[in-house]
Amino acid sequence: MSPNRLLLQFALRRPVWIGLTIALGFSGALFNGVSTMLIIPVVLGLLGEEVNLKGAPPILQKVFSGLAQSGGEAQFLWMMGLILLAILLKNATSYASSLTSGHLSRSLVSDIRKEGLQLLLDVDLDFYIKTKVGDLINRLGGEIGSTATAIRTAVQMLSTMITIFVFLAILLSISWQLTLISTLLLAIVSLSNSFFVKRAKKFGKQLSDQSRDYSVAVLEMLSGIRLVKATGNESYEYQKIEQLISDREKADFDSQANSALVPPINEMAGLTVVVAILLLGRIFFRNQLESLSAVLLTYLLVLFRMLPFVGQLNNARSSFANLAPSVSVVNDFLRREGKPFMSKGHVPYSGMTEGIRFEQLAFTYPGHDRQVLNQVDLWLPKGTTLALVGSSGAGKSTLADLLPRFYDPTAGRILIDDRDLKDFEIHSLRQSMGIVSQDTFLFNDSVRNNLAYARRDATDDQIVEAAKRANAYEFIVKLPQGFDTLIGDRGVMLSGGQRQRLAIARALLRDPDILILDEATSALDTVSERLVQSAIDELSRDRTTLVIAHRLSTVQNADQIAVLDKGRVVEVGTHTELLKQGGLYAQLHAMQFSEEPQTV
């Protein structure tokens, strides 16, 4: 889709405001043209010159003939009054047009931002895996900002073109011959601007690319600032980003230098057109110069008044071409074709009565060939705990990601009470789940707001109760502002164990029907692990729970333990049963509980 079509697509959602903008723009241009037409006859009359309006536009002849009855000085006073009235109406409509066009521009930009935000919330996780966050931020911020400027430019172009068309109509009513020549000359001027328009688009593309690279690099540096400092790579990062800044500034300069050439060239070309019309008018009307002096002067004044608008239009064309690459980036960003979206389902989830069945599951990540899961068959009865263990890369986390439908299996299906998971309305399904992972995410907000994120209508008493059950209350009340303490970006002001307990409290507050624990204690020290494990036991009591285990000691009491190896389930049983079998689970257990324990 071209930039013009994208803007038109959004503009058509606001037909009333488009109509108002066009109507007010036309009215302002008409009053502008009328006031301009009246100036020359009035000036000539005030100077005592005879005003011959033979060949003048009919509207001008009618105005003069209607006022001729006043006679003498009164006639020209009426004419001056009409000029002032036309100017007043022109400025009033211009002011109203400015407000409506500004509202239209802001509305279109707001629509684009909202659609971009909605797309980011709707698209599947696979999109984020393949797309750099810095690129997304640049698109949602910088590129949409440039698109906002493009929209304002497009609205300005619309108003300017309306004004030019009105002036051309007036010029045609005075002399179609001169207007034909004027239009031809101005068209040549506009065509000559095409060279600068093409260059503007090229430089705009370079600037858009450089801005994207800069945003990506800065975000990656900030995200990995601990690694940067730990490895002493500050100078390397500075030099890398400094080069990106220089490249961006060069692209910006090239774009500005190209745009700066357009106004002076348009001004010189416009003056050339005026001189050419003067000469041609002298040639065409050689024998009528005296009788048509008022008409010719009016024509030249209207033409002279129109030329700045032609220059504005050419400048706007160059600016729009410079911004077109950003509009194209936004168009690609907003286009839903080719992006992964999960089917939403249609049956509201209202709880389970039997359990969850994983039936012949297979899964391959989009764009990859290796099968991560293969023929997985498991049964998780309601109110019980199923633990997944195995070496790194066995497919444990992938299997857990299929339950909240972060991905759908490439083969097989997941059933809740014999109904396919895909049938359930995805929002209500996820609302019924609580997920606690080793990489806990917390907002740069207060403890209270982080806990209440799981349940926006939670009362203070419910928040406190959840914190107590998660063994988090004691450390929370010791914080400087208690539950109102700001915890920093991703909870950086808290320890790992404290962050995990907040995540568990958040899950408790939601009171989920299904619980997913993804190696929630793997990165904790012994004391923190005991506190977190105690909170997990409280959280998972009487809930249907899927646990991904790193330390086998945390899942010994699970109702079932499934051992995964290379994407397949190789063993299923209780802790005692699996030890007796002497298979892979027994080997992993022996490795972890040997004198030199190893991780799995």
Foldseek 3Di string as FASTA:
>chain_A
DFLVVVLVVLLVVPVVLVVLLLVLLLLLLLLVLVLLLLVLQLVCVVVVHDDFCVLAFPVVVVLQVVLCVVPDPSSSVVSVVSSVVSVVSSVVSVVVSVVSLVVSLVVSLVVLLVLLVVCVVFFFPLVPVVDQVLLSCCLSPVLSVLVSVLSSLVSLLSSLVSSLVSLLVNLCSRPVVLSVVLVVLLVVLLVVLVVLLVQLLVLLLQLSVLSSVLSRLVVVCVVCVVVCVVVVVPVVSCVVNVVSVVSNVVSVVSNVVSLVVLLVSLVVSLVVSLVVSVVVVCVVCVVCCSSCVSSVVSSSSSSVVSSVSSSSSSSSSSSSSNSRSSSVVSVVSSDPPPTHGAQFADAADDAADWWKWFAQFWADRPPDDAIQAGGATDTFTFQFEEEEEEDPSLCQVVVVCPQLPSDPTPDTAMDGNNHTPSNHRSVNSVLQEAEAELQFFAAQFFLQCRLCVNPVPDDPVLLLVLLVLLVQQVVQCVPPVRRRDGQGGRNVNDDSLNSRSSSLSSRVSSLHQEYEYHQNQVPDDPVSSVSRLSSVCSSSRRHRYYYYHWDVVSCQPGQKYFYGGSNYTDDMDHNVVVCVVVDPSVVQNCQQPDPNHDID
